[in-house]
Amino acid sequence: MLVERGLQAMNVELVSDAYAIAANYLRRSGAIPDTLVTNERLLEIVIQLLQHREFNKIRLANKAIARFEAQSGARAVA
């Protein structure tokens, strides 16, 4: 999944960990369905943040959660 997106091998674990933290939170809050399917929008957000030089997995997950919820809120209003 991540290799197909052209990520360097050293970042795969970081993306995986940050995604897992964010997805777990969003599943528990009901923002995304509780399935094993990867949420593509959340993964894209994590990758974008990583490309903007965020390398701390907790901070990366928290920013991804905030951005995901903000985008979801904007879509609900529109």
N, C-alpha and C. Protein backbone atom coordinates (compact mmCIF):
# COMPACT_ATOMS: atom_id res chain seq x y z
N MET A 1 0.83 -1.19 0.00
CA MET A 1 0.00 0.00 0.00
C MET A 1 0.87 1.25 0.00
N LEU A 2 1.79 1.37 0.96
CA LEU A 2 2.60 2.58 1.04
C LEU A 2 3.70 2.61 0.00
N VAL A 3 4.25 1.45 -0.34
CA VAL A 3 5.31 1.39 -1.34
C VAL A 3 4.78 1.84 -2.70
N GLU A 4 3.53 1.51 -2.98
CA GLU A 4 2.92 1.92 -4.24
C GLU A 4 2.83 3.44 -4.35
N ARG A 5 2.80 4.13 -3.26
CA ARG A 5 2.67 5.58 -3.25
C ARG A 5 4.03 6.27 -3.34
N GLY A 6 5.11 5.50 -3.41
CA GLY A 6 6.43 6.07 -3.59
C GLY A 6 7.08 6.57 -2.31
N LEU A 7 6.64 6.11 -1.16
CA LEU A 7 7.26 6.55 0.09
C LEU A 7 8.58 5.82 0.29
N GLN A 8 9.52 6.49 0.91
CA GLN A 8 10.79 5.86 1.22
C GLN A 8 10.58 4.83 2.32
N ALA A 9 11.39 3.79 2.31
CA ALA A 9 11.25 2.70 3.27
C ALA A 9 11.38 3.18 4.71
N MET A 10 12.19 4.19 4.97
CA MET A 10 12.38 4.65 6.34
C MET A 10 11.13 5.34 6.89
N ASN A 11 10.21 5.77 6.03
CA ASN A 11 9.02 6.47 6.48
C ASN A 11 7.80 5.56 6.59
N VAL A 12 7.89 4.33 6.13
CA VAL A 12 6.74 3.43 6.13
C VAL A 12 6.25 3.18 7.55
N GLU A 13 7.15 2.92 8.46
CA GLU A 13 6.76 2.66 9.85
C GLU A 13 6.12 3.90 10.48
N LEU A 14 6.67 5.06 10.21
CA LEU A 14 6.12 6.30 10.74
C LEU A 14 4.70 6.53 10.23
N VAL A 15 4.49 6.38 8.94
CA VAL A 15 3.17 6.57 8.35
C VAL A 15 2.20 5.53 8.91
N SER A 16 2.66 4.30 9.00
CA SER A 16 1.82 3.22 9.52
C SER A 16 1.40 3.48 10.96
N ASP A 17 2.34 3.87 11.79
CA ASP A 17 2.03 4.14 13.20
C ASP A 17 1.09 5.33 13.35
N ALA A 18 1.38 6.41 12.65
CA ALA A 18 0.54 7.61 12.74
C ALA A 18 -0.86 7.33 12.22
N TYR A 19 -0.95 6.60 11.11
CA TYR A 19 -2.26 6.25 10.56
C TYR A 19 -3.03 5.38 11.56
N ALA A 20 -2.37 4.40 12.15
CA ALA A 20 -3.04 3.51 13.11
C ALA A 20 -3.58 4.28 14.31
N ILE A 21 -2.81 5.21 14.82
CA ILE A 21 -3.25 6.03 15.96
C ILE A 21 -4.47 6.87 15.57
N ALA A 22 -4.37 7.56 14.44
CA ALA A 22 -5.46 8.43 13.99
C ALA A 22 -6.71 7.62 13.65
N ALA A 23 -6.53 6.51 12.93
CA ALA A 23 -7.69 5.70 12.54
C ALA A 23 -8.37 5.10 13.76
N ASN A 24 -7.60 4.66 14.73
CA ASN A 24 -8.18 4.10 15.95
C ASN A 24 -9.04 5.15 16.66
N TYR A 25 -8.52 6.36 16.78
CA TYR A 25 -9.29 7.43 17.41
C TYR A 25 -10.57 7.73 16.63
N LEU A 26 -10.43 7.87 15.31
CA LEU A 26 -11.58 8.23 14.49
C LEU A 26 -12.62 7.11 14.44
N ARG A 27 -12.19 5.86 14.51
CA ARG A 27 -13.15 4.75 14.59
C ARG A 27 -13.92 4.80 15.90
N ARG A 28 -13.19 5.02 17.00
CA ARG A 28 -13.84 5.06 18.31
C ARG A 28 -14.79 6.25 18.46
N SER A 29 -14.48 7.34 17.76
CA SER A 29 -15.35 8.51 17.83
C SER A 29 -16.52 8.42 16.85
N GLY A 30 -16.48 7.42 15.97
CA GLY A 30 -17.56 7.24 15.00
C GLY A 30 -17.40 8.03 13.72
N ALA A 31 -16.24 8.67 13.55
CA ALA A 31 -16.02 9.49 12.36
C ALA A 31 -15.77 8.65 11.11
N ILE A 32 -15.21 7.46 11.29
CA ILE A 32 -15.02 6.53 10.18
C ILE A 32 -15.56 5.17 10.60
N PRO A 33 -15.98 4.37 9.64
CA PRO A 33 -16.54 3.05 9.99
C PRO A 33 -15.49 2.12 10.61
N ASP A 34 -15.95 1.24 11.47
CA ASP A 34 -15.07 0.30 12.16
C ASP A 34 -14.84 -0.93 11.28
N THR A 35 -13.99 -0.77 10.27
CA THR A 35 -13.65 -1.85 9.35
C THR A 35 -12.13 -1.94 9.22
N LEU A 36 -11.68 -2.98 8.57
CA LEU A 36 -10.25 -3.13 8.33
C LEU A 36 -9.79 -2.43 7.05
N VAL A 37 -10.72 -1.83 6.34
CA VAL A 37 -10.41 -1.14 5.09
C VAL A 37 -9.70 0.18 5.41
N THR A 38 -8.63 0.46 4.67
CA THR A 38 -7.89 1.71 4.86
C THR A 38 -8.72 2.89 4.38
N ASN A 39 -8.80 3.92 5.20
CA ASN A 39 -9.49 5.14 4.81
C ASN A 39 -8.51 5.96 3.98
N GLU A 40 -8.76 6.03 2.69
CA GLU A 40 -7.84 6.68 1.76
C GLU A 40 -7.64 8.16 2.07
N ARG A 41 -8.71 8.83 2.46
CA ARG A 41 -8.60 10.27 2.75
C ARG A 41 -7.69 10.51 3.95
N LEU A 42 -7.83 9.70 4.99
CA LEU A 42 -6.98 9.84 6.17
C LEU A 42 -5.53 9.53 5.82
N LEU A 43 -5.31 8.49 5.04
CA LEU A 43 -3.95 8.14 4.64
C LEU A 43 -3.31 9.26 3.83
N GLU A 44 -4.06 9.86 2.93
CA GLU A 44 -3.54 10.98 2.14
C GLU A 44 -3.16 12.15 3.04
N ILE A 45 -3.96 12.41 4.05
CA ILE A 45 -3.66 13.51 4.98
C ILE A 45 -2.35 13.22 5.72
N VAL A 46 -2.19 12.00 6.21
CA VAL A 46 -0.96 11.62 6.92
C VAL A 46 0.25 11.79 6.00
N ILE A 47 0.13 11.35 4.76
CA ILE A 47 1.24 11.46 3.81
C ILE A 47 1.56 12.92 3.51
N GLN A 48 0.53 13.74 3.33
CA GLN A 48 0.76 15.17 3.07
C GLN A 48 1.50 15.82 4.24
N LEU A 49 1.09 15.50 5.45
CA LEU A 49 1.74 16.08 6.62
C LEU A 49 3.19 15.62 6.72
N LEU A 50 3.43 14.37 6.40
CA LEU A 50 4.80 13.86 6.41
C LEU A 50 5.65 14.59 5.37
N GLN A 51 5.08 14.85 4.22
CA GLN A 51 5.81 15.56 3.17
C GLN A 51 6.08 17.02 3.56
N HIS A 52 5.33 17.52 4.54
CA HIS A 52 5.56 18.88 5.04
C HIS A 52 6.46 18.85 6.28
N ARG A 53 7.24 17.78 6.41
CA ARG A 53 8.30 17.67 7.41
C ARG A 53 7.82 17.48 8.84
N GLU A 54 6.72 16.78 9.03
CA GLU A 54 6.28 16.42 10.38
C GLU A 54 6.72 14.97 10.59
N PHE A 55 7.61 14.73 11.55
CA PHE A 55 8.19 13.41 11.73
C PHE A 55 7.89 12.78 13.09
N ASN A 56 7.17 13.46 13.96
CA ASN A 56 6.78 12.89 15.24
C ASN A 56 5.43 12.19 15.06
N LYS A 57 5.38 10.88 15.34
CA LYS A 57 4.17 10.12 15.00
C LYS A 57 2.94 10.57 15.79
N ILE A 58 3.11 10.98 17.02
CA ILE A 58 1.95 11.45 17.81
C ILE A 58 1.44 12.78 17.26
N ARG A 59 2.37 13.69 17.00
CA ARG A 59 1.97 14.99 16.44
C ARG A 59 1.38 14.81 15.05
N LEU A 60 1.95 13.91 14.27
CA LEU A 60 1.45 13.60 12.93
C LEU A 60 0.03 13.07 13.00
N ALA A 61 -0.23 12.14 13.93
CA ALA A 61 -1.57 11.58 14.10
C ALA A 61 -2.56 12.66 14.56
N ASN A 62 -2.15 13.48 15.51
CA ASN A 62 -3.04 14.53 16.03
C ASN A 62 -3.39 15.55 14.95
N LYS A 63 -2.42 15.94 14.15
CA LYS A 63 -2.69 16.89 13.06
C LYS A 63 -3.59 16.26 12.00
N ALA A 64 -3.36 14.98 11.73
CA ALA A 64 -4.19 14.27 10.75
C ALA A 64 -5.64 14.18 11.23
N ILE A 65 -5.83 13.90 12.51
CA ILE A 65 -7.17 13.84 13.10
C ILE A 65 -7.85 15.20 12.97
N ALA A 66 -7.13 16.24 13.35
CA ALA A 66 -7.71 17.59 13.29
C ALA A 66 -8.09 17.97 11.87
N ARG A 67 -7.21 17.69 10.92
CA ARG A 67 -7.50 18.04 9.53
C ARG A 67 -8.66 17.20 8.98
N PHE A 68 -8.69 15.90 9.32
CA PHE A 68 -9.76 15.01 8.88
C PHE A 68 -11.10 15.51 9.42
N GLU A 69 -11.15 15.83 10.72
CA GLU A 69 -12.40 16.31 11.31
C GLU A 69 -12.81 17.66 10.75
N ALA A 70 -11.84 18.54 10.47
CA ALA A 70 -12.17 19.84 9.89
C ALA A 70 -12.75 19.69 8.49
N GLN A 71 -12.16 18.79 7.70
CA GLN A 71 -12.67 18.56 6.35
C GLN A 71 -14.04 17.91 6.40
N SER A 72 -14.26 17.01 7.34
CA SER A 72 -15.56 16.36 7.48
C SER A 72 -16.62 17.38 7.91
N GLY A 73 -16.24 18.28 8.81
CA GLY A 73 -17.16 19.32 9.26
C GLY A 73 -17.52 20.28 8.14
N ALA A 74 -16.54 20.61 7.31
CA ALA A 74 -16.78 21.51 6.17
C ALA A 74 -17.72 20.85 5.17
N ARG A 75 -17.58 19.55 4.97
CA ARG A 75 -18.47 18.84 4.04
C ARG A 75 -19.88 18.74 4.59
N ALA A 76 -20.01 18.62 5.90
CA ALA A 76 -21.34 18.51 6.51
C ALA A 76 -22.10 19.84 6.38
N VAL A 77 -21.38 20.95 6.45
CA VAL A 77 -21.99 22.27 6.36
C VAL A 77 -22.39 22.56 4.91
N ALA A 78 -21.55 22.15 3.97
CA ALA A 78 -21.78 22.47 2.55
C ALA A 78 -22.90 21.70 1.96
